[in-house]
Amino acid sequence: MILDVTNSVISPFRLCYLLVYINSLNFIFRMSVLESFARIESWLSKNAPNVLRQLNKPITSTDELDKAESILGAKFPPSVREAYTHYDGESKESTGLFGCWRWLPLQEIIEWNDEQKQNVQKYHLVDFKPSFMIPLLESTTTNNDLRYVETSSDDGQEETSVIEWNHNHPTRDIKYGSKIIEEICFIQDFLLGFANYLSTFAERLELGEYEPDVNDPHKSRGLVLKKLT
C-alpha cells in the first residue's frame, strides 16, 4: 500500500527520515538508463563476460518499438523504450542477467501477448486485458513468473512501476522496489519504473550481491544472488 503524504499519513519525522534515507542512496533513482547500462556492462566485462554476450543487439530503429506498440495495443513507458535502444533483451540461452530473471526481446513480448489474447477468447477471461500488461522479464527458475510494467499513458510519457506476477498466486502482484521509498507516493511511479529497476540492479552488482551462476565466469549464462555465509 502506498501511503499518501498529502493526507498526513506519514508524520513529519517519518518523512524527514525517508528523505535522508533517499539522500544516503545518492539518488540512484536519478541514474539514467544509459548510465545504468554503462555500470552493468563494466561489471559484467570484469566478472562475467559471457553473461554480457547474452544481451542481444539493440533494435535497429524506434520504428520497431512503434510497430510493437501497435500490435500490443499498448504504450511502452519512456525508460522501457530507451532500454530497447541499448539491447533487445537477452538470448534464449541466457539463464537470466537479473538474478535468474531473463529480459525478454520485443518479439517474445509480442508472442506472449498473442498467446494471452487467445487464452482470453478460449477461456472467456472478461476481466483480463493483455494490453494493460507488458512483460519485461521472465523467471528462469520458476513456472511462468513475470516482472511486467503496465501500459503508459496515451502520449507515452508516463513511467509505470515494475510489478512481479506470481503464476501460482496471480492475485498477489507486488511492486518491485524499496518498501521505504514506496511510501513517498508523489514520486512512486518515477522511482519504481524500469529506469529505477536498472539503476538498483547496477548498484547491487557493484555492492557484490550477485555472482555468475557457474564457477567459470567465461561459461556462465546468467547471474544469481550470492548465498549468505
Protein backbone atom coordinates (compact mmCIF):
# COMPACT_ATOMS: atom_id res chain seq x y z
CA MET A 1 0.00 0.00 0.00
CA ILE A 2 1.32 3.44 -0.89
CA LEU A 3 0.89 5.97 1.87
CA ASP A 4 -0.48 9.38 0.94
CA VAL A 5 1.67 12.15 2.38
CA THR A 6 -0.81 14.77 1.21
CA ASN A 7 -3.24 13.43 3.80
CA SER A 8 -0.54 13.44 6.51
CA VAL A 9 -0.49 9.66 6.91
CA ILE A 10 3.29 9.94 7.24
CA SER A 11 4.43 12.00 10.18
CA PRO A 12 6.85 14.90 9.56
CA PHE A 13 9.55 12.96 11.40
CA ARG A 14 8.96 9.90 9.24
CA LEU A 15 9.02 11.97 6.06
CA CYS A 16 12.29 13.60 7.12
CA TYR A 17 13.77 10.15 7.77
CA LEU A 18 12.66 8.95 4.35
CA LEU A 19 14.23 11.93 2.60
CA VAL A 20 17.51 11.43 4.47
CA TYR A 21 17.40 7.74 3.52
CA ILE A 22 16.94 8.57 -0.15
CA ASN A 23 19.82 11.05 0.04
CA SER A 24 22.02 8.29 1.50
CA LEU A 25 21.30 6.23 -1.60
CA ASN A 26 22.94 9.01 -3.61
CA PHE A 27 19.76 9.43 -5.61
CA ILE A 28 20.32 6.22 -7.56
CA PHE A 29 16.81 6.58 -8.92
CA ARG A 30 18.03 9.55 -10.96
CA MET A 31 20.57 7.45 -12.78
CA SER A 32 19.72 7.36 -16.47
CA VAL A 33 19.19 4.17 -18.44
CA LEU A 34 22.44 4.93 -20.30
CA GLU A 35 24.40 5.31 -17.04
CA SER A 36 22.91 2.12 -15.61
CA PHE A 37 23.86 0.06 -18.64
CA ALA A 38 27.38 1.52 -18.60
CA ARG A 39 27.82 0.34 -15.00
CA ILE A 40 26.24 -3.05 -15.71
CA GLU A 41 28.45 -3.57 -18.77
CA SER A 42 31.56 -2.57 -16.83
CA TRP A 43 30.82 -5.06 -14.05
CA LEU A 44 29.97 -7.87 -16.44
CA SER A 45 33.06 -7.36 -18.59
CA LYS A 46 35.23 -7.87 -15.49
CA ASN A 47 33.24 -10.51 -13.61
CA ALA A 48 31.00 -12.38 -16.06
CA PRO A 49 31.98 -11.66 -19.69
CA ASN A 50 29.86 -14.46 -21.12
CA VAL A 51 26.74 -13.06 -19.44
CA LEU A 52 27.39 -9.77 -21.22
CA ARG A 53 27.38 -11.71 -24.51
CA GLN A 54 23.86 -12.97 -23.74
CA LEU A 55 22.48 -9.47 -24.31
CA ASN A 56 21.00 -9.09 -27.80
CA LYS A 57 21.93 -6.31 -30.20
CA PRO A 58 19.70 -3.25 -29.91
CA ILE A 59 16.72 -2.66 -32.17
CA THR A 60 17.70 -1.02 -35.44
CA SER A 61 15.10 1.74 -35.27
CA THR A 62 12.48 3.15 -32.92
CA ASP A 63 10.03 2.20 -35.68
CA GLU A 64 10.28 -1.32 -34.27
CA LEU A 65 9.02 -0.03 -30.93
CA ASP A 66 6.18 1.85 -32.62
CA LYS A 67 5.20 -1.29 -34.53
CA ALA A 68 5.31 -3.40 -31.36
CA GLU A 69 3.11 -0.87 -29.55
CA SER A 70 0.60 -1.02 -32.39
CA ILE A 71 0.49 -4.83 -32.24
CA LEU A 72 0.23 -4.89 -28.45
CA GLY A 73 -2.30 -2.08 -28.25
CA ALA A 74 -0.13 -0.61 -25.50
CA LYS A 75 2.42 2.15 -24.90
CA PHE A 76 5.89 1.42 -23.55
CA PRO A 77 6.97 3.72 -20.69
CA PRO A 78 9.84 6.06 -21.73
CA SER A 79 12.57 4.16 -19.85
CA VAL A 80 11.47 0.87 -21.41
CA ARG A 81 11.62 2.37 -24.90
CA GLU A 82 15.11 3.70 -24.18
CA ALA A 83 16.30 0.36 -22.79
CA TYR A 84 15.49 -1.43 -26.06
CA THR A 85 17.64 1.07 -27.97
CA HIS A 86 20.57 -0.35 -25.98
CA TYR A 87 19.70 -4.05 -26.08
CA ASP A 88 16.79 -6.07 -27.41
CA GLY A 89 16.57 -8.20 -24.28
CA GLU A 90 18.55 -11.40 -23.76
CA SER A 91 19.19 -14.51 -25.82
CA LYS A 92 17.08 -17.63 -25.32
CA GLU A 93 20.21 -19.37 -23.99
CA SER A 94 20.54 -16.86 -21.13
CA THR A 95 19.71 -18.08 -17.64
CA GLY A 96 18.95 -14.54 -16.54
CA LEU A 97 21.12 -11.46 -16.19
CA PHE A 98 18.93 -10.05 -13.42
CA GLY A 99 19.48 -12.85 -10.91
CA CYS A 100 17.59 -15.66 -12.69
CA TRP A 101 15.30 -13.16 -14.41
CA ARG A 102 15.69 -13.03 -18.19
CA TRP A 103 14.90 -9.81 -20.07
CA LEU A 104 12.55 -10.54 -22.97
CA PRO A 105 13.21 -9.40 -26.57
CA LEU A 106 10.43 -7.43 -28.26
CA GLN A 107 9.36 -10.39 -30.40
CA GLU A 108 8.83 -12.58 -27.33
CA ILE A 109 6.69 -9.87 -25.72
CA ILE A 110 4.52 -9.85 -28.84
CA GLU A 111 4.30 -13.67 -28.81
CA TRP A 112 3.27 -13.62 -25.14
CA ASN A 113 0.62 -11.03 -25.87
CA ASP A 114 -0.76 -13.11 -28.78
CA GLU A 115 -0.93 -16.17 -26.55
CA GLN A 116 -2.82 -14.26 -23.86
CA LYS A 117 -5.30 -12.92 -26.42
CA GLN A 118 -6.01 -16.49 -27.48
CA ASN A 119 -6.48 -17.52 -23.85
CA VAL A 120 -8.92 -14.65 -23.29
CA GLN A 121 -11.07 -15.90 -26.15
CA LYS A 122 -10.69 -19.58 -25.28
CA TYR A 123 -11.44 -19.26 -21.56
CA HIS A 124 -13.67 -16.18 -21.72
CA LEU A 125 -11.45 -14.15 -19.37
CA VAL A 126 -13.54 -10.99 -19.39
CA ASP A 127 -11.55 -9.32 -16.57
CA PHE A 128 -8.12 -9.69 -18.17
CA LYS A 129 -6.82 -7.34 -20.86
CA PRO A 130 -3.34 -8.35 -22.13
CA SER A 131 -2.70 -4.85 -23.50
CA PHE A 132 -2.51 -3.47 -19.94
CA MET A 133 0.38 -5.78 -19.04
CA ILE A 134 3.79 -5.63 -20.78
CA PRO A 135 6.05 -8.50 -19.62
CA LEU A 136 9.71 -7.46 -19.48
CA LEU A 137 11.37 -10.29 -17.57
CA GLU A 138 10.60 -13.96 -17.04
CA SER A 139 11.88 -16.16 -14.25
CA THR A 140 14.28 -18.89 -15.40
CA THR A 141 13.79 -20.91 -12.21
CA THR A 142 10.00 -20.90 -11.69
CA ASN A 143 6.98 -21.60 -13.85
CA ASN A 144 5.79 -18.57 -15.85
CA ASP A 145 6.54 -15.93 -13.19
CA LEU A 146 6.93 -12.48 -14.73
CA ARG A 147 8.01 -8.95 -13.96
CA TYR A 148 6.00 -6.51 -16.02
CA VAL A 149 5.05 -2.88 -16.45
CA GLU A 150 1.59 -1.58 -17.15
CA THR A 151 0.95 0.37 -20.33
CA SER A 152 1.98 4.02 -20.29
CA SER A 153 -0.34 6.97 -20.90
CA ASP A 154 -1.68 7.67 -24.38
CA ASP A 155 1.20 10.07 -25.07
CA GLY A 156 3.75 7.50 -23.84
CA GLN A 157 5.26 9.85 -21.23
CA GLU A 158 4.13 8.10 -18.05
CA GLU A 159 6.53 5.82 -16.19
CA THR A 160 4.82 2.78 -14.68
CA SER A 161 6.03 0.52 -11.90
CA VAL A 162 7.79 -2.80 -12.37
CA ILE A 163 5.46 -5.39 -10.87
CA GLU A 164 6.11 -9.04 -10.10
CA TRP A 165 3.43 -11.52 -11.11
CA ASN A 166 3.50 -14.91 -9.39
CA HIS A 167 1.95 -17.63 -11.52
CA ASN A 168 0.84 -19.69 -8.53
CA HIS A 169 -0.66 -16.67 -6.74
CA PRO A 170 -1.71 -14.34 -9.59
CA THR A 171 -3.70 -12.04 -7.29
CA ARG A 172 -0.65 -11.22 -5.20
CA ASP A 173 1.21 -8.87 -7.54
CA ILE A 174 3.92 -6.85 -5.78
CA LYS A 175 5.73 -3.74 -6.90
CA TYR A 176 9.48 -4.20 -7.22
CA GLY A 177 11.47 -1.65 -5.24
CA SER A 178 12.35 -0.37 -1.81
CA LYS A 179 9.40 -0.57 0.58
CA ILE A 180 10.62 2.58 2.29
CA ILE A 181 10.80 4.52 -0.95
CA GLU A 182 7.34 3.28 -1.91
CA GLU A 183 5.88 5.23 1.00
CA ILE A 184 6.50 8.52 -0.77
CA CYS A 185 3.55 8.41 -3.12
CA PHE A 186 4.19 11.54 -5.13
CA ILE A 187 7.36 10.08 -6.68
CA GLN A 188 6.16 6.50 -6.69
CA ASP A 189 5.95 5.91 -10.45
CA PHE A 190 9.22 7.73 -11.15
CA LEU A 191 11.04 5.67 -8.55
CA LEU A 192 9.61 2.30 -9.42
CA GLY A 193 9.84 2.49 -13.22
CA PHE A 194 12.23 0.42 -15.33
CA ALA A 195 14.96 3.07 -15.10
CA ASN A 196 14.99 2.61 -11.34
CA TYR A 197 14.93 -1.17 -11.75
CA LEU A 198 18.11 -0.93 -13.80
CA SER A 199 19.85 1.57 -11.51
CA THR A 200 19.04 -0.51 -8.43
CA PHE A 201 20.41 -3.60 -10.16
CA ALA A 202 23.61 -1.76 -11.14
CA GLU A 203 24.04 -0.61 -7.56
CA ARG A 204 23.57 -4.13 -6.20
CA LEU A 205 26.05 -5.53 -8.72
CA GLU A 206 28.71 -3.12 -7.51
CA LEU A 207 27.91 -3.96 -3.89
CA GLY A 208 28.78 -7.59 -4.65
CA GLU A 209 25.31 -9.08 -4.21
CA TYR A 210 25.43 -11.13 -7.45
CA GLU A 211 27.77 -13.71 -8.90
CA PRO A 212 27.93 -15.91 -12.05
CA ASP A 213 25.64 -18.95 -11.94
CA VAL A 214 28.57 -21.33 -12.58
CA ASN A 215 32.12 -21.32 -11.24
CA ASP A 216 33.71 -20.44 -14.58
CA PRO A 217 32.64 -16.85 -15.38
CA HIS A 218 33.59 -17.42 -19.03
CA LYS A 219 30.90 -20.12 -19.30
CA SER A 220 28.22 -18.51 -17.18
CA ARG A 221 24.99 -17.53 -18.95
CA GLY A 222 23.38 -15.71 -16.04
CA LEU A 223 23.74 -14.32 -12.55
CA VAL A 224 22.45 -15.47 -9.18
CA LEU A 225 22.23 -13.80 -5.80
CA LYS A 226 25.14 -14.70 -3.56
CA LYS A 227 24.26 -17.05 -0.76
CA LEU A 228 24.60 -15.63 2.71
CA THR A 229 27.50 -17.17 4.63
